[in-house]
Amino acid sequence: KSRAGIVLVTPELFTSLNAQGIADKELSALLATDLVIPVAHGT
């Protein structure tokens, strides 16, 4: 239902992505959309 996806990019996100959990699946779905806005915070 979203028109845009915002990914808050933090060191914690890196850890979560490396664990290939829910954040990894969510990011994969977002990357398939037209509008993803990464926001780097603390990295």
PDB file of all heavy atoms in Angstrom:
ATOM      1  N   LYS A   1       0.806  -1.219   0.000  1.00  0.00           N
ATOM      2  CA  LYS A   1       0.000   0.000   0.000  1.00  0.00           C
ATOM      3  C   LYS A   1       0.843   1.276   0.000  1.00  0.00           C
ATOM      4  O   LYS A   1       0.297   2.368  -0.009  1.00  0.00           O
ATOM      5  CB  LYS A   1      -0.917  -0.004   1.223  1.00  0.00           C
ATOM      6  CG  LYS A   1      -1.921  -1.130   1.208  1.00  0.00           C
ATOM      7  CD  LYS A   1      -2.738  -1.141   2.473  1.00  0.00           C
ATOM      8  CE  LYS A   1      -3.684  -2.328   2.472  1.00  0.00           C
ATOM      9  NZ  LYS A   1      -4.432  -2.413   3.719  1.00  0.00           N
ATOM     10  N   SER A   2       2.150   1.134   0.000  1.00  0.00           N
ATOM     11  CA  SER A   2       3.031   2.304   0.120  1.00  0.00           C
ATOM     12  C   SER A   2       3.462   2.834  -1.235  1.00  0.00           C
ATOM     13  O   SER A   2       3.684   2.069  -2.166  1.00  0.00           O
ATOM     14  CB  SER A   2       4.273   1.929   0.934  1.00  0.00           C
ATOM     15  OG  SER A   2       3.906   1.558   2.235  1.00  0.00           O
ATOM     16  N   ARG A   3       3.564   4.147  -1.307  1.00  0.00           N
ATOM     17  CA  ARG A   3       4.065   4.785  -2.530  1.00  0.00           C
ATOM     18  C   ARG A   3       5.574   4.978  -2.481  1.00  0.00           C
ATOM     19  O   ARG A   3       6.212   5.141  -3.512  1.00  0.00           O
ATOM     20  CB  ARG A   3       3.403   6.146  -2.732  1.00  0.00           C
ATOM     21  CG  ARG A   3       1.932   6.043  -3.035  1.00  0.00           C
ATOM     22  CD  ARG A   3       1.352   7.381  -3.340  1.00  0.00           C
ATOM     23  NE  ARG A   3       1.735   8.323  -2.294  1.00  0.00           N
ATOM     24  CZ  ARG A   3       1.636   9.629  -2.407  1.00  0.00           C
ATOM     25  NH1 ARG A   3       1.167  10.160  -3.484  1.00  0.00           N
ATOM     26  NH2 ARG A   3       2.010  10.416  -1.424  1.00  0.00           N
ATOM     27  N   ALA A   4       6.134   4.991  -1.283  1.00  0.00           N
ATOM     28  CA  ALA A   4       7.579   5.175  -1.128  1.00  0.00           C
ATOM     29  C   ALA A   4       8.038   4.381   0.074  1.00  0.00           C
ATOM     30  O   ALA A   4       7.279   4.172   1.024  1.00  0.00           O
ATOM     31  CB  ALA A   4       7.915   6.653  -0.934  1.00  0.00           C
ATOM     32  N   GLY A   5       9.257   3.932   0.006  1.00  0.00           N
ATOM     33  CA  GLY A   5       9.853   3.217   1.120  1.00  0.00           C
ATOM     34  C   GLY A   5      11.071   3.972   1.609  1.00  0.00           C
ATOM     35  O   GLY A   5      11.927   4.349   0.812  1.00  0.00           O
ATOM     36  N   ILE A   6      11.117   4.217   2.885  1.00  0.00           N
ATOM     37  CA  ILE A   6      12.262   4.907   3.480  1.00  0.00           C
ATOM     38  C   ILE A   6      13.057   3.875   4.258  1.00  0.00           C
ATOM     39  O   ILE A   6      12.507   3.161   5.100  1.00  0.00           O
ATOM     40  CB  ILE A   6      11.799   6.031   4.416  1.00  0.00           C
ATOM     41  CG1 ILE A   6      10.979   7.048   3.626  1.00  0.00           C
ATOM     42  CG2 ILE A   6      12.993   6.695   5.097  1.00  0.00           C
ATOM     43  CD1 ILE A   6      10.140   7.934   4.495  1.00  0.00           C
ATOM     44  N   VAL A   7      14.329   3.787   3.946  1.00  0.00           N
ATOM     45  CA  VAL A   7      15.206   2.863   4.658  1.00  0.00           C
ATOM     46  C   VAL A   7      16.176   3.699   5.481  1.00  0.00           C
ATOM     47  O   VAL A   7      16.994   4.433   4.932  1.00  0.00           O
ATOM     48  CB  VAL A   7      15.992   1.954   3.681  1.00  0.00           C
ATOM     49  CG1 VAL A   7      16.914   1.024   4.460  1.00  0.00           C
ATOM     50  CG2 VAL A   7      15.042   1.173   2.798  1.00  0.00           C
ATOM     51  N   LEU A   8      16.028   3.615   6.795  1.00  0.00           N
ATOM     52  CA  LEU A   8      16.951   4.304   7.681  1.00  0.00           C
ATOM     53  C   LEU A   8      18.201   3.427   7.786  1.00  0.00           C
ATOM     54  O   LEU A   8      18.163   2.337   8.360  1.00  0.00           O
ATOM     55  CB  LEU A   8      16.318   4.530   9.055  1.00  0.00           C
ATOM     56  CG  LEU A   8      17.070   5.472   9.983  1.00  0.00           C
ATOM     57  CD1 LEU A   8      17.273   6.848   9.343  1.00  0.00           C
ATOM     58  CD2 LEU A   8      16.335   5.616  11.297  1.00  0.00           C
ATOM     59  N   VAL A   9      19.264   3.884   7.170  1.00  0.00           N
ATOM     60  CA  VAL A   9      20.508   3.120   7.078  1.00  0.00           C
ATOM     61  C   VAL A   9      21.371   3.433   8.296  1.00  0.00           C
ATOM     62  O   VAL A   9      21.868   4.547   8.434  1.00  0.00           O
ATOM     63  CB  VAL A   9      21.263   3.459   5.764  1.00  0.00           C
ATOM     64  CG1 VAL A   9      22.557   2.669   5.678  1.00  0.00           C
ATOM     65  CG2 VAL A   9      20.373   3.206   4.557  1.00  0.00           C
ATOM     66  N   THR A  10      21.494   2.454   9.166  1.00  0.00           N
ATOM     67  CA  THR A  10      22.265   2.600  10.398  1.00  0.00           C
ATOM     68  C   THR A  10      23.195   1.400  10.546  1.00  0.00           C
ATOM     69  O   THR A  10      23.012   0.381   9.864  1.00  0.00           O
ATOM     70  CB  THR A  10      21.326   2.630  11.622  1.00  0.00           C
ATOM     71  OG1 THR A  10      20.650   1.359  11.704  1.00  0.00           O
ATOM     72  CG2 THR A  10      20.304   3.754  11.527  1.00  0.00           C
ATOM     73  N   PRO A  11      24.165   1.478  11.438  1.00  0.00           N
ATOM     74  CA  PRO A  11      24.995   0.293  11.693  1.00  0.00           C
ATOM     75  C   PRO A  11      24.153  -0.909  12.126  1.00  0.00           C
ATOM     76  O   PRO A  11      24.469  -2.048  11.774  1.00  0.00           O
ATOM     77  CB  PRO A  11      25.931   0.753  12.820  1.00  0.00           C
ATOM     78  CG  PRO A  11      26.045   2.234  12.608  1.00  0.00           C
ATOM     79  CD  PRO A  11      24.670   2.661  12.152  1.00  0.00           C
ATOM     80  N   GLU A  12      23.068  -0.671  12.850  1.00  0.00           N
ATOM     81  CA  GLU A  12      22.187  -1.755  13.274  1.00  0.00           C
ATOM     82  C   GLU A  12      21.528  -2.421  12.062  1.00  0.00           C
ATOM     83  O   GLU A  12      21.301  -3.634  12.062  1.00  0.00           O
ATOM     84  CB  GLU A  12      21.116  -1.242  14.240  1.00  0.00           C
ATOM     85  CG  GLU A  12      21.657  -0.814  15.592  1.00  0.00           C
ATOM     86  CD  GLU A  12      22.275   0.595  15.593  1.00  0.00           C
ATOM     87  OE1 GLU A  12      22.144   1.350  14.596  1.00  0.00           O
ATOM     88  OE2 GLU A  12      22.900   0.948  16.601  1.00  0.00           O
ATOM     89  N   LEU A  13      21.200  -1.638  11.035  1.00  0.00           N
ATOM     90  CA  LEU A  13      20.623  -2.210   9.821  1.00  0.00           C
ATOM     91  C   LEU A  13      21.619  -3.165   9.171  1.00  0.00           C
ATOM     92  O   LEU A  13      21.242  -4.239   8.721  1.00  0.00           O
ATOM     93  CB  LEU A  13      20.213  -1.123   8.831  1.00  0.00           C
ATOM     94  CG  LEU A  13      19.710  -1.650   7.478  1.00  0.00           C
ATOM     95  CD1 LEU A  13      18.379  -2.376   7.637  1.00  0.00           C
ATOM     96  CD2 LEU A  13      19.596  -0.534   6.464  1.00  0.00           C
ATOM     97  N   PHE A  14      22.882  -2.785   9.127  1.00  0.00           N
ATOM     98  CA  PHE A  14      23.896  -3.654   8.530  1.00  0.00           C
ATOM     99  C   PHE A  14      23.924  -5.006   9.238  1.00  0.00           C
ATOM    100  O   PHE A  14      23.975  -6.053   8.597  1.00  0.00           O
ATOM    101  CB  PHE A  14      25.288  -3.016   8.596  1.00  0.00           C
ATOM    102  CG  PHE A  14      25.423  -1.725   7.833  1.00  0.00           C
ATOM    103  CD1 PHE A  14      26.422  -0.829   8.159  1.00  0.00           C
ATOM    104  CD2 PHE A  14      24.571  -1.395   6.788  1.00  0.00           C
ATOM    105  CE1 PHE A  14      26.580   0.350   7.459  1.00  0.00           C
ATOM    106  CE2 PHE A  14      24.707  -0.219   6.087  1.00  0.00           C
ATOM    107  CZ  PHE A  14      25.713   0.661   6.420  1.00  0.00           C
ATOM    108  N   THR A  15      23.888  -4.983  10.565  1.00  0.00           N
ATOM    109  CA  THR A  15      23.890  -6.217  11.348  1.00  0.00           C
ATOM    110  C   THR A  15      22.662  -7.056  11.019  1.00  0.00           C
ATOM    111  O   THR A  15      22.751  -8.268  10.807  1.00  0.00           O
ATOM    112  CB  THR A  15      23.918  -5.893  12.858  1.00  0.00           C
ATOM    113  OG1 THR A  15      25.088  -5.126  13.130  1.00  0.00           O
ATOM    114  CG2 THR A  15      23.903  -7.153  13.696  1.00  0.00           C
ATOM    115  N   SER A  16      21.514  -6.392  10.947  1.00  0.00           N
ATOM    116  CA  SER A  16      20.267  -7.083  10.648  1.00  0.00           C
ATOM    117  C   SER A  16      20.274  -7.687   9.245  1.00  0.00           C
ATOM    118  O   SER A  16      19.828  -8.813   9.029  1.00  0.00           O
ATOM    119  CB  SER A  16      19.099  -6.111  10.806  1.00  0.00           C
ATOM    120  OG  SER A  16      17.882  -6.772  10.690  1.00  0.00           O
ATOM    121  N   LEU A  17      20.793  -6.955   8.271  1.00  0.00           N
ATOM    122  CA  LEU A  17      20.855  -7.467   6.901  1.00  0.00           C
ATOM    123  C   LEU A  17      21.790  -8.658   6.801  1.00  0.00           C
ATOM    124  O   LEU A  17      21.498  -9.625   6.093  1.00  0.00           O
ATOM    125  CB  LEU A  17      21.281  -6.371   5.930  1.00  0.00           C
ATOM    126  CG  LEU A  17      20.273  -5.252   5.688  1.00  0.00           C
ATOM    127  CD1 LEU A  17      20.873  -4.189   4.780  1.00  0.00           C
ATOM    128  CD2 LEU A  17      18.978  -5.790   5.117  1.00  0.00           C
ATOM    129  N   ASN A  18      22.902  -8.598   7.504  1.00  0.00           N
ATOM    130  CA  ASN A  18      23.854  -9.712   7.479  1.00  0.00           C
ATOM    131  C   ASN A  18      23.265 -10.971   8.095  1.00  0.00           C
ATOM    132  O   ASN A  18      23.639 -12.084   7.734  1.00  0.00           O
ATOM    133  CB  ASN A  18      25.154  -9.326   8.183  1.00  0.00           C
ATOM    134  CG  ASN A  18      25.990  -8.393   7.329  1.00  0.00           C
ATOM    135  OD1 ASN A  18      25.922  -8.420   6.104  1.00  0.00           O
ATOM    136  ND2 ASN A  18      26.771  -7.538   7.967  1.00  0.00           N
ATOM    137  N   ALA A  19      22.317 -10.809   9.007  1.00  0.00           N
ATOM    138  CA  ALA A  19      21.661 -11.961   9.633  1.00  0.00           C
ATOM    139  C   ALA A  19      20.585 -12.554   8.717  1.00  0.00           C
ATOM    140  O   ALA A  19      20.063 -13.628   9.003  1.00  0.00           O
ATOM    141  CB  ALA A  19      21.033 -11.544  10.962  1.00  0.00           C
ATOM    142  N   GLN A  20      20.269 -11.871   7.632  1.00  0.00           N
ATOM    143  CA  GLN A  20      19.285 -12.307   6.638  1.00  0.00           C
ATOM    144  C   GLN A  20      17.932 -12.621   7.264  1.00  0.00           C
ATOM    145  O   GLN A  20      17.284 -13.608   6.930  1.00  0.00           O
ATOM    146  CB  GLN A  20      19.812 -13.498   5.836  1.00  0.00           C
ATOM    147  CG  GLN A  20      21.033 -13.147   5.031  1.00  0.00           C
ATOM    148  CD  GLN A  20      21.530 -14.284   4.172  1.00  0.00           C
ATOM    149  OE1 GLN A  20      21.100 -15.419   4.299  1.00  0.00           O
ATOM    150  NE2 GLN A  20      22.432 -13.974   3.272  1.00  0.00           N
ATOM    151  N   GLY A  21      17.493 -11.723   8.138  1.00  0.00           N
ATOM    152  CA  GLY A  21      16.190 -11.882   8.775  1.00  0.00           C
ATOM    153  C   GLY A  21      15.122 -11.074   8.054  1.00  0.00           C
ATOM    154  O   GLY A  21      15.142 -10.902   6.833  1.00  0.00           O
ATOM    155  N   ILE A  22      14.193 -10.561   8.823  1.00  0.00           N
ATOM    156  CA  ILE A  22      13.064  -9.823   8.262  1.00  0.00           C
ATOM    157  C   ILE A  22      13.525  -8.563   7.545  1.00  0.00           C
ATOM    158  O   ILE A  22      12.998  -8.215   6.486  1.00  0.00           O
ATOM    159  CB  ILE A  22      12.034  -9.500   9.364  1.00  0.00           C
ATOM    160  CG1 ILE A  22      11.359 -10.797   9.797  1.00  0.00           C
ATOM    161  CG2 ILE A  22      11.008  -8.490   8.892  1.00  0.00           C
ATOM    162  CD1 ILE A  22      10.422 -10.661  10.950  1.00  0.00           C
ATOM    163  N   ALA A  23      14.510  -7.860   8.087  1.00  0.00           N
ATOM    164  CA  ALA A  23      14.994  -6.636   7.437  1.00  0.00           C
ATOM    165  C   ALA A  23      15.511  -6.938   6.034  1.00  0.00           C
ATOM    166  O   ALA A  23      15.309  -6.147   5.104  1.00  0.00           O
ATOM    167  CB  ALA A  23      16.081  -5.976   8.276  1.00  0.00           C
ATOM    168  N   ASP A  24      16.151  -8.068   5.865  1.00  0.00           N
ATOM    169  CA  ASP A  24      16.667  -8.472   4.552  1.00  0.00           C
ATOM    170  C   ASP A  24      15.518  -8.687   3.564  1.00  0.00           C
ATOM    171  O   ASP A  24      15.565  -8.233   2.424  1.00  0.00           O
ATOM    172  CB  ASP A  24      17.499  -9.752   4.700  1.00  0.00           C
ATOM    173  CG  ASP A  24      18.189 -10.143   3.422  1.00  0.00           C
ATOM    174  OD1 ASP A  24      18.961  -9.333   2.886  1.00  0.00           O
ATOM    175  OD2 ASP A  24      17.932 -11.267   2.951  1.00  0.00           O
ATOM    176  N   LYS A  25      14.471  -9.341   4.014  1.00  0.00           N
ATOM    177  CA  LYS A  25      13.303  -9.579   3.154  1.00  0.00           C
ATOM    178  C   LYS A  25      12.587  -8.276   2.820  1.00  0.00           C
ATOM    179  O   LYS A  25      12.158  -8.047   1.685  1.00  0.00           O
ATOM    180  CB  LYS A  25      12.341 -10.554   3.836  1.00  0.00           C
ATOM    181  CG  LYS A  25      12.900 -11.960   3.961  1.00  0.00           C
ATOM    182  CD  LYS A  25      12.006 -12.817   4.832  1.00  0.00           C
ATOM    183  CE  LYS A  25      12.530 -14.214   5.037  1.00  0.00           C
ATOM    184  NZ  LYS A  25      13.834 -14.290   5.652  1.00  0.00           N
ATOM    185  N   GLU A  26      12.452  -7.415   3.808  1.00  0.00           N
ATOM    186  CA  GLU A  26      11.798  -6.124   3.604  1.00  0.00           C
ATOM    187  C   GLU A  26      12.589  -5.276   2.604  1.00  0.00           C
ATOM    188  O   GLU A  26      12.010  -4.660   1.709  1.00  0.00           O
ATOM    189  CB  GLU A  26      11.673  -5.407   4.949  1.00  0.00           C
ATOM    190  CG  GLU A  26      10.797  -4.196   4.923  1.00  0.00           C
ATOM    191  CD  GLU A  26      10.584  -3.619   6.316  1.00  0.00           C
ATOM    192  OE1 GLU A  26      11.233  -4.048   7.287  1.00  0.00           O
ATOM    193  OE2 GLU A  26       9.751  -2.713   6.421  1.00  0.00           O
ATOM    194  N   LEU A  27      13.906  -5.258   2.741  1.00  0.00           N
ATOM    195  CA  LEU A  27      14.731  -4.499   1.809  1.00  0.00           C
ATOM    196  C   LEU A  27      14.614  -5.057   0.397  1.00  0.00           C
ATOM    197  O   LEU A  27      14.516  -4.292  -0.571  1.00  0.00           O
ATOM    198  CB  LEU A  27      16.194  -4.487   2.260  1.00  0.00           C
ATOM    199  CG  LEU A  27      17.157  -3.735   1.332  1.00  0.00           C
ATOM    200  CD1 LEU A  27      16.737  -2.275   1.170  1.00  0.00           C
ATOM    201  CD2 LEU A  27      18.575  -3.828   1.854  1.00  0.00           C
ATOM    202  N   SER A  28      14.597  -6.365   0.253  1.00  0.00           N
ATOM    203  CA  SER A  28      14.447  -6.976  -1.069  1.00  0.00           C
ATOM    204  C   SER A  28      13.151  -6.528  -1.728  1.00  0.00           C
ATOM    205  O   SER A  28      13.119  -6.190  -2.913  1.00  0.00           O
ATOM    206  CB  SER A  28      14.468  -8.504  -0.968  1.00  0.00           C
ATOM    207  OG  SER A  28      15.738  -8.936  -0.552  1.00  0.00           O
ATOM    208  N   ALA A  29      12.072  -6.487  -0.962  1.00  0.00           N
ATOM    209  CA  ALA A  29      10.782  -6.040  -1.503  1.00  0.00           C
ATOM    210  C   ALA A  29      10.832  -4.565  -1.877  1.00  0.00           C
ATOM    211  O   ALA A  29      10.323  -4.163  -2.929  1.00  0.00           O
ATOM    212  CB  ALA A  29       9.674  -6.301  -0.491  1.00  0.00           C
ATOM    213  N   LEU A  30      11.458  -3.758  -1.047  1.00  0.00           N
ATOM    214  CA  LEU A  30      11.559  -2.320  -1.343  1.00  0.00           C
ATOM    215  C   LEU A  30      12.379  -2.047  -2.592  1.00  0.00           C
ATOM    216  O   LEU A  30      12.044  -1.169  -3.389  1.00  0.00           O
ATOM    217  CB  LEU A  30      12.171  -1.577  -0.158  1.00  0.00           C
ATOM    218  CG  LEU A  30      11.244  -1.264   0.995  1.00  0.00           C
ATOM    219  CD1 LEU A  30      12.038  -0.723   2.172  1.00  0.00           C
ATOM    220  CD2 LEU A  30      10.177  -0.269   0.578  1.00  0.00           C
ATOM    221  N   LEU A  31      13.454  -2.795  -2.770  1.00  0.00           N
ATOM    222  CA  LEU A  31      14.318  -2.575  -3.929  1.00  0.00           C
ATOM    223  C   LEU A  31      13.617  -2.895  -5.245  1.00  0.00           C
ATOM    224  O   LEU A  31      14.038  -2.429  -6.293  1.00  0.00           O
ATOM    225  CB  LEU A  31      15.619  -3.372  -3.798  1.00  0.00           C
ATOM    226  CG  LEU A  31      16.600  -2.835  -2.765  1.00  0.00           C
ATOM    227  CD1 LEU A  31      17.736  -3.816  -2.545  1.00  0.00           C
ATOM    228  CD2 LEU A  31      17.133  -1.470  -3.168  1.00  0.00           C
ATOM    229  N   ALA A  32      12.539  -3.643  -5.178  1.00  0.00           N
ATOM    230  CA  ALA A  32      11.766  -3.966  -6.383  1.00  0.00           C
ATOM    231  C   ALA A  32      10.795  -2.851  -6.752  1.00  0.00           C
ATOM    232  O   ALA A  32      10.160  -2.910  -7.798  1.00  0.00           O
ATOM    233  CB  ALA A  32      11.006  -5.273  -6.178  1.00  0.00           C
ATOM    234  N   THR A  33      10.683  -1.824  -5.922  1.00  0.00           N
ATOM    235  CA  THR A  33       9.755  -0.722  -6.181  1.00  0.00           C
ATOM    236  C   THR A  33      10.468   0.433  -6.868  1.00  0.00           C
ATOM    237  O   THR A  33      11.694   0.457  -6.962  1.00  0.00           O
ATOM    238  CB  THR A  33       9.109  -0.212  -4.879  1.00  0.00           C
ATOM    239  OG1 THR A  33      10.117   0.393  -4.070  1.00  0.00           O
ATOM    240  CG2 THR A  33       8.439  -1.338  -4.122  1.00  0.00           C
ATOM    241  N   ASP A  34       9.670   1.400  -7.302  1.00  0.00           N
ATOM    242  CA  ASP A  34      10.223   2.549  -8.006  1.00  0.00           C
ATOM    243  C   ASP A  34      10.815   3.608  -7.089  1.00  0.00           C
ATOM    244  O   ASP A  34      11.688   4.353  -7.500  1.00  0.00           O
ATOM    245  CB  ASP A  34       9.141   3.215  -8.870  1.00  0.00           C
ATOM    246  CG  ASP A  34       8.744   2.354 -10.046  1.00  0.00           C
ATOM    247  OD1 ASP A  34       9.581   1.566 -10.520  1.00  0.00           O
ATOM    248  OD2 ASP A  34       7.589   2.473 -10.489  1.00  0.00           O
ATOM    249  N   LEU A  35      10.323   3.703  -5.875  1.00  0.00           N
ATOM    250  CA  LEU A  35      10.779   4.788  -5.010  1.00  0.00           C
ATOM    251  C   LEU A  35      11.229   4.274  -3.652  1.00  0.00           C
ATOM    252  O   LEU A  35      10.420   3.926  -2.794  1.00  0.00           O
ATOM    253  CB  LEU A  35       9.673   5.833  -4.825  1.00  0.00           C
ATOM    254  CG  LEU A  35      10.065   7.090  -4.069  1.00  0.00           C
ATOM    255  CD1 LEU A  35      11.262   7.788  -4.710  1.00  0.00           C
ATOM    256  CD2 LEU A  35       8.909   8.063  -4.004  1.00  0.00           C
ATOM    257  N   VAL A  36      12.534   4.196  -3.494  1.00  0.00           N
ATOM    258  CA  VAL A  36      13.141   3.843  -2.219  1.00  0.00           C
ATOM    259  C   VAL A  36      14.081   4.986  -1.862  1.00  0.00           C
ATOM    260  O   VAL A  36      14.916   5.393  -2.676  1.00  0.00           O
ATOM    261  CB  VAL A  36      13.944   2.528  -2.297  1.00  0.00           C
ATOM    262  CG1 VAL A  36      14.607   2.235  -0.965  1.00  0.00           C
ATOM    263  CG2 VAL A  36      13.065   1.387  -2.721  1.00  0.00           C
ATOM    264  N   ILE A  37      13.922   5.499  -0.663  1.00  0.00           N
ATOM    265  CA  ILE A  37      14.749   6.615  -0.217  1.00  0.00           C
ATOM    266  C   ILE A  37      15.618   6.143   0.941  1.00  0.00           C
ATOM    267  O   ILE A  37      15.131   5.981   2.059  1.00  0.00           O
ATOM    268  CB  ILE A  37      13.880   7.802   0.234  1.00  0.00           C
ATOM    269  CG1 ILE A  37      12.926   8.224  -0.880  1.00  0.00           C
ATOM    270  CG2 ILE A  37      14.762   8.962   0.687  1.00  0.00           C
ATOM    271  CD1 ILE A  37      11.844   9.191  -0.448  1.00  0.00           C
ATOM    272  N   PRO A  38      16.904   5.917   0.683  1.00  0.00           N
ATOM    273  CA  PRO A  38      17.788   5.570   1.797  1.00  0.00           C
ATOM    274  C   PRO A  38      18.200   6.829   2.560  1.00  0.00           C
ATOM    275  O   PRO A  38      18.472   7.871   1.946  1.00  0.00           O
ATOM    276  CB  PRO A  38      18.990   4.919   1.117  1.00  0.00           C
ATOM    277  CG  PRO A  38      18.978   5.420  -0.285  1.00  0.00           C
ATOM    278  CD  PRO A  38      17.567   5.817  -0.613  1.00  0.00           C
ATOM    279  N   VAL A  39      18.204   6.735   3.875  1.00  0.00           N
ATOM    280  CA  VAL A  39      18.629   7.840   4.729  1.00  0.00           C
ATOM    281  C   VAL A  39      19.752   7.321   5.616  1.00  0.00           C
ATOM    282  O   VAL A  39      19.520   6.491   6.503  1.00  0.00           O
ATOM    283  CB  VAL A  39      17.467   8.381   5.591  1.00  0.00           C
ATOM    284  CG1 VAL A  39      17.962   9.475   6.529  1.00  0.00           C
ATOM    285  CG2 VAL A  39      16.322   8.882   4.715  1.00  0.00           C
ATOM    286  N   ALA A  40      20.965   7.771   5.347  1.00  0.00           N
ATOM    287  CA  ALA A  40      22.123   7.342   6.135  1.00  0.00           C
ATOM    288  C   ALA A  40      22.138   8.106   7.456  1.00  0.00           C
ATOM    289  O   ALA A  40      22.093   9.339   7.474  1.00  0.00           O
ATOM    290  CB  ALA A  40      23.408   7.590   5.359  1.00  0.00           C
ATOM    291  N   HIS A  41      22.185   7.370   8.558  1.00  0.00           N
ATOM    292  CA  HIS A  41      22.187   7.969   9.895  1.00  0.00           C
ATOM    293  C   HIS A  41      23.195   7.210  10.751  1.00  0.00           C
ATOM    294  O   HIS A  41      23.011   6.028  11.039  1.00  0.00           O
ATOM    295  CB  HIS A  41      20.779   7.879  10.497  1.00  0.00           C
ATOM    296  CG  HIS A  41      20.651   8.507  11.841  1.00  0.00           C
ATOM    297  ND1 HIS A  41      20.769   9.868  12.041  1.00  0.00           N
ATOM    298  CD2 HIS A  41      20.417   7.963  13.060  1.00  0.00           C
ATOM    299  CE1 HIS A  41      20.603  10.137  13.317  1.00  0.00           C
ATOM    300  NE2 HIS A  41      20.400   8.987  13.960  1.00  0.00           N
ATOM    301  N   GLY A  42      24.264   7.876  11.098  1.00  0.00           N
ATOM    302  CA  GLY A  42      25.304   7.224  11.898  1.00  0.00           C
ATOM    303  C   GLY A  42      26.231   6.349  11.083  1.00  0.00           C
ATOM    304  O   GLY A  42      26.992   5.570  11.629  1.00  0.00           O
ATOM    305  N   THR A  43      26.142   6.479   9.765  1.00  0.00           N
ATOM    306  CA  THR A  43      27.008   5.736   8.855  1.00  0.00           C
ATOM    307  C   THR A  43      27.071   6.494   7.528  1.00  0.00           C
ATOM    308  O   THR A  43      26.568   7.604   7.434  1.00  0.00           O
ATOM    309  CB  THR A  43      26.506   4.284   8.669  1.00  0.00           C
ATOM    310  OG1 THR A  43      27.509   3.538   7.973  1.00  0.00           O
ATOM    311  CG2 THR A  43      25.199   4.231   7.919  1.00  0.00           C
TER     312      THR A  43
END
